[in-house]
C-alpha atoms as a PDB file:
ATOM      1  CA  MET A   1       0.000   0.000   0.000  1.00  0.00           C
ATOM      2  CA  LYS A   2       2.873   2.355   0.830  1.00  0.00           C
ATOM      3  CA  LYS A   3       4.430   1.759  -2.577  1.00  0.00           C
ATOM      4  CA  LEU A   4       1.136   2.579  -4.312  1.00  0.00           C
ATOM      5  CA  SER A   5       0.770   5.707  -2.183  1.00  0.00           C
ATOM      6  CA  LEU A   6       4.299   6.824  -3.142  1.00  0.00           C
ATOM      7  CA  ILE A   7       3.588   6.226  -6.828  1.00  0.00           C
ATOM      8  CA  LEU A   8       0.304   8.162  -6.649  1.00  0.00           C
ATOM      9  CA  MET A   9       1.956  11.024  -4.771  1.00  0.00           C
ATOM     10  CA  SER A  10       4.794  11.067  -7.271  1.00  0.00           C
ATOM     11  CA  LEU A  11       2.365  11.179 -10.209  1.00  0.00           C
ATOM     12  CA  LEU A  12       0.390  13.962  -8.512  1.00  0.00           C
ATOM     13  CA  TYR A  13       3.433  16.229  -8.176  1.00  0.00           C
ATOM     14  CA  ILE A  14       4.874  15.369 -11.581  1.00  0.00           C
ATOM     15  CA  SER A  15       1.489  16.054 -13.222  1.00  0.00           C
ATOM     16  CA  ALA A  16       0.973  19.268 -11.259  1.00  0.00           C
ATOM     17  CA  GLY A  17       4.478  20.401 -12.205  1.00  0.00           C
ATOM     18  CA  ILE A  18       3.932  19.665 -15.874  1.00  0.00           C
ATOM     19  CA  TYR A  19       0.663  21.606 -15.756  1.00  0.00           C
ATOM     20  CA  HIS A  20       2.638  24.713 -14.729  1.00  0.00           C
ATOM     21  CA  PHE A  21       4.331  24.547 -18.141  1.00  0.00           C
ATOM     22  CA  ILE A  22       1.227  23.542 -20.129  1.00  0.00           C
ATOM     23  CA  ASN A  23      -1.106  26.180 -18.676  1.00  0.00           C
ATOM     24  CA  PRO A  24       0.848  28.917 -16.880  1.00  0.00           C
ATOM     25  CA  THR A  25      -2.114  31.268 -17.428  1.00  0.00           C
ATOM     26  CA  PHE A  26      -4.071  29.335 -14.795  1.00  0.00           C
ATOM     27  CA  TYR A  27      -1.376  30.098 -12.223  1.00  0.00           C
ATOM     28  CA  LEU A  28      -0.869  33.684 -13.398  1.00  0.00           C
ATOM     29  CA  LYS A  29      -4.480  34.386 -12.414  1.00  0.00           C
ATOM     30  CA  ILE A  30      -3.895  33.303  -8.816  1.00  0.00           C
ATOM     31  CA  MET A  31      -0.430  34.761  -8.214  1.00  0.00           C
ATOM     32  CA  PRO A  32      -0.445  37.380  -5.439  1.00  0.00           C
ATOM     33  CA  ASP A  33       0.972  40.778  -6.363  1.00  0.00           C
ATOM     34  CA  TYR A  34       3.690  40.548  -3.719  1.00  0.00           C
ATOM     35  CA  ILE A  35       5.408  37.647  -5.528  1.00  0.00           C
ATOM     36  CA  PRO A  36       7.895  38.956  -8.113  1.00  0.00           C
ATOM     37  CA  ALA A  37       8.492  37.592 -11.615  1.00  0.00           C
ATOM     38  CA  HIS A  38       5.210  35.688 -11.820  1.00  0.00           C
ATOM     39  CA  LEU A  39       5.957  33.595 -14.895  1.00  0.00           C
ATOM     40  CA  THR A  40       9.444  32.702 -13.692  1.00  0.00           C
ATOM     41  CA  MET A  41       8.055  31.640 -10.314  1.00  0.00           C
ATOM     42  CA  ILE A  42       5.374  29.526 -11.988  1.00  0.00           C
ATOM     43  CA  TYR A  43       7.956  27.691 -14.078  1.00  0.00           C
ATOM     44  CA  LEU A  44      10.303  27.357 -11.106  1.00  0.00           C
ATOM     45  CA  SER A  45       7.610  25.915  -8.844  1.00  0.00           C
ATOM     46  CA  GLY A  46       6.537  23.564 -11.646  1.00  0.00           C
ATOM     47  CA  ALA A  47      10.109  22.331 -12.088  1.00  0.00           C
ATOM     48  CA  ILE A  48      10.443  21.830  -8.325  1.00  0.00           C
ATOM     49  CA  GLU A  49       7.220  19.804  -8.210  1.00  0.00           C
ATOM     50  CA  ILE A  50       8.438  17.587 -11.069  1.00  0.00           C
ATOM     51  CA  ILE A  51      11.834  17.055  -9.414  1.00  0.00           C
ATOM     52  CA  LEU A  52      10.267  16.263  -6.044  1.00  0.00           C
ATOM     53  CA  GLY A  53       7.768  13.903  -7.659  1.00  0.00           C
ATOM     54  CA  ILE A  54      10.596  11.981  -9.323  1.00  0.00           C
ATOM     55  CA  THR A  55      12.715  12.060  -6.169  1.00  0.00           C
ATOM     56  CA  LEU A  56       9.896  10.397  -4.203  1.00  0.00           C
ATOM     57  CA  LEU A  57      10.506   7.268  -6.273  1.00  0.00           C
ATOM     58  CA  ILE A  58      14.170   7.035  -5.247  1.00  0.00           C
ATOM     59  CA  LYS A  59      14.233   5.210  -1.899  1.00  0.00           C
ATOM     60  CA  LYS A  60      17.454   6.895  -0.779  1.00  0.00           C
ATOM     61  CA  PHE A  61      15.851  10.359  -1.122  1.00  0.00           C
ATOM     62  CA  GLN A  62      12.222   9.683  -0.100  1.00  0.00           C
ATOM     63  CA  LYS A  63      12.466  11.243   3.353  1.00  0.00           C
ATOM     64  CA  THR A  64      14.228  14.331   2.010  1.00  0.00           C
ATOM     65  CA  ALA A  65      11.655  14.638  -0.771  1.00  0.00           C
ATOM     66  CA  GLY A  66       8.855  14.248   1.779  1.00  0.00           C
ATOM     67  CA  TRP A  67      10.203  17.056   3.954  1.00  0.00           C
ATOM     68  CA  LEU A  68      10.784  19.288   0.934  1.00  0.00           C
ATOM     69  CA  ILE A  69       7.228  18.656  -0.262  1.00  0.00           C
ATOM     70  CA  ILE A  70       5.901  19.617   3.166  1.00  0.00           C
ATOM     71  CA  LEU A  71       7.986  22.809   3.135  1.00  0.00           C
ATOM     72  CA  MET A  72       6.786  23.593  -0.406  1.00  0.00           C
ATOM     73  CA  LEU A  73       3.150  23.122   0.619  1.00  0.00           C
ATOM     74  CA  ILE A  74       3.641  25.365   3.644  1.00  0.00           C
ATOM     75  CA  ALA A  75       5.244  27.980   1.374  1.00  0.00           C
ATOM     76  CA  PHE A  76       2.149  27.818  -0.866  1.00  0.00           C
ATOM     77  CA  LEU A  77      -0.267  28.462   2.036  1.00  0.00           C
ATOM     78  CA  PRO A  78      -0.102  32.288   1.785  1.00  0.00           C
ATOM     79  CA  VAL A  79      -1.061  32.057  -1.904  1.00  0.00           C
ATOM     80  CA  HIS A  80      -4.160  30.012  -1.042  1.00  0.00           C
ATOM     81  CA  ILE A  81      -5.106  32.349   1.802  1.00  0.00           C
ATOM     82  CA  LYS A  82      -4.684  35.358  -0.511  1.00  0.00           C
ATOM     83  CA  MET A  83      -6.895  33.619  -3.081  1.00  0.00           C
ATOM     84  CA  ILE A  84      -9.664  33.287  -0.503  1.00  0.00           C
ATOM     85  CA  GLN A  85      -9.279  36.916   0.565  1.00  0.00           C
ATOM     86  CA  ASP A  86      -9.423  38.139  -3.039  1.00  0.00           C
ATOM     87  CA  THR A  87     -12.497  36.130  -4.015  1.00  0.00           C
ATOM     88  CA  TRP A  88     -14.691  35.811  -0.922  1.00  0.00           C
ATOM     89  CA  ILE A  89     -17.038  38.650  -1.904  1.00  0.00           C
ATOM     90  CA  SER A  90     -17.925  37.183  -5.282  1.00  0.00           C
ATOM     91  CA  LEU A  91     -18.692  33.639  -4.009  1.00  0.00           C
ATOM     92  CA  ASN A  92     -17.872  32.321  -7.476  1.00  0.00           C
ATOM     93  CA  ILE A  93     -16.107  29.147  -8.620  1.00  0.00           C
ATOM     94  CA  LYS A  94     -12.714  30.731  -7.934  1.00  0.00           C
ATOM     95  CA  PHE A  95     -13.735  31.293  -4.314  1.00  0.00           C
ATOM     96  CA  ILE A  96     -15.021  27.731  -3.953  1.00  0.00           C
ATOM     97  CA  THR A  97     -11.802  26.414  -5.508  1.00  0.00           C
ATOM     98  CA  ALA A  98      -9.769  28.502  -3.089  1.00  0.00           C
ATOM     99  CA  LEU A  99     -11.765  27.187  -0.129  1.00  0.00           C
ATOM    100  CA  VAL A 100     -11.114  23.604  -1.224  1.00  0.00           C
ATOM    101  CA  ARG A 101      -7.423  24.123  -1.994  1.00  0.00           C
ATOM    102  CA  LEU A 102      -6.490  25.568   1.403  1.00  0.00           C
ATOM    103  CA  PRO A 103      -7.493  22.568   3.557  1.00  0.00           C
ATOM    104  CA  LEU A 104      -6.248  20.248   0.807  1.00  0.00           C
ATOM    105  CA  GLN A 105      -2.735  21.561   1.548  1.00  0.00           C
ATOM    106  CA  PHE A 106      -2.971  20.077   5.041  1.00  0.00           C
ATOM    107  CA  VAL A 107      -4.187  16.744   3.650  1.00  0.00           C
ATOM    108  CA  LEU A 108      -1.222  16.709   1.243  1.00  0.00           C
ATOM    109  CA  ILE A 109       1.184  17.598   4.085  1.00  0.00           C
ATOM    110  CA  TYR A 110      -0.145  14.704   6.163  1.00  0.00           C
ATOM    111  CA  TRP A 111       0.027  12.351   3.167  1.00  0.00           C
ATOM    112  CA  ALA A 112       3.688  13.215   2.565  1.00  0.00           C
ATOM    113  CA  TYR A 113       4.476  12.896   6.280  1.00  0.00           C
ATOM    114  CA  LYS A 114       2.910   9.431   6.615  1.00  0.00           C
ATOM    115  CA  THR A 115       3.888   7.981   3.237  1.00  0.00           C
ATOM    116  CA  CYS A 116       7.536   8.998   3.498  1.00  0.00           C
ATOM    117  CA  ASN A 117       7.753   7.689   7.102  1.00  0.00           C
ATOM    118  CA  LEU A 118       8.811  11.071   8.408  1.00  0.00           C
ATOM    119  CA  ARG A 119       9.295  11.758  12.094  1.00  0.00           C
ATOM    120  CA  LEU A 120       9.383  15.099  13.849  1.00  0.00           C
ATOM    121  CA  PRO A 121      12.776  16.072  15.225  1.00  0.00           C
ATOM    122  CA  LYS A 122      13.039  15.594  19.008  1.00  0.00           C
ATOM    123  CA  LEU A 123      13.129  19.380  19.475  1.00  0.00           C
ATOM    124  CA  LEU A 124       9.575  19.657  18.126  1.00  0.00           C
ATOM    125  CA  LYS A 125       8.155  16.726  20.110  1.00  0.00           C
ATOM    126  CA  SER A 126       8.430  18.273  23.586  1.00  0.00           C
END
């Protein structure tokens, strides 16, 4: 089951990364103003997702990839929060998408944590 979960997670991030290159316009629409060089950042984050997705499949690097995925998802949280703030008045599909994507980040963080057998450092356990 763990192997299947790793493969599915890998495919998710590889596919999401590829989509950054196929349809950057989708991401341009949701980029907050405070992030510089929007298109460059979209391509960079897409490349990182592809690399992390591939790295998940290499046993030696799974834990590192898992932690980096968690950090990436945490880094994306402000974008999802900004999306909700920008669209809450209109209550349109973009707002609904934003509401779904924010909690989904926490599901993805948990998935990476469990699937990659990650453990919190002792400093964070006390």
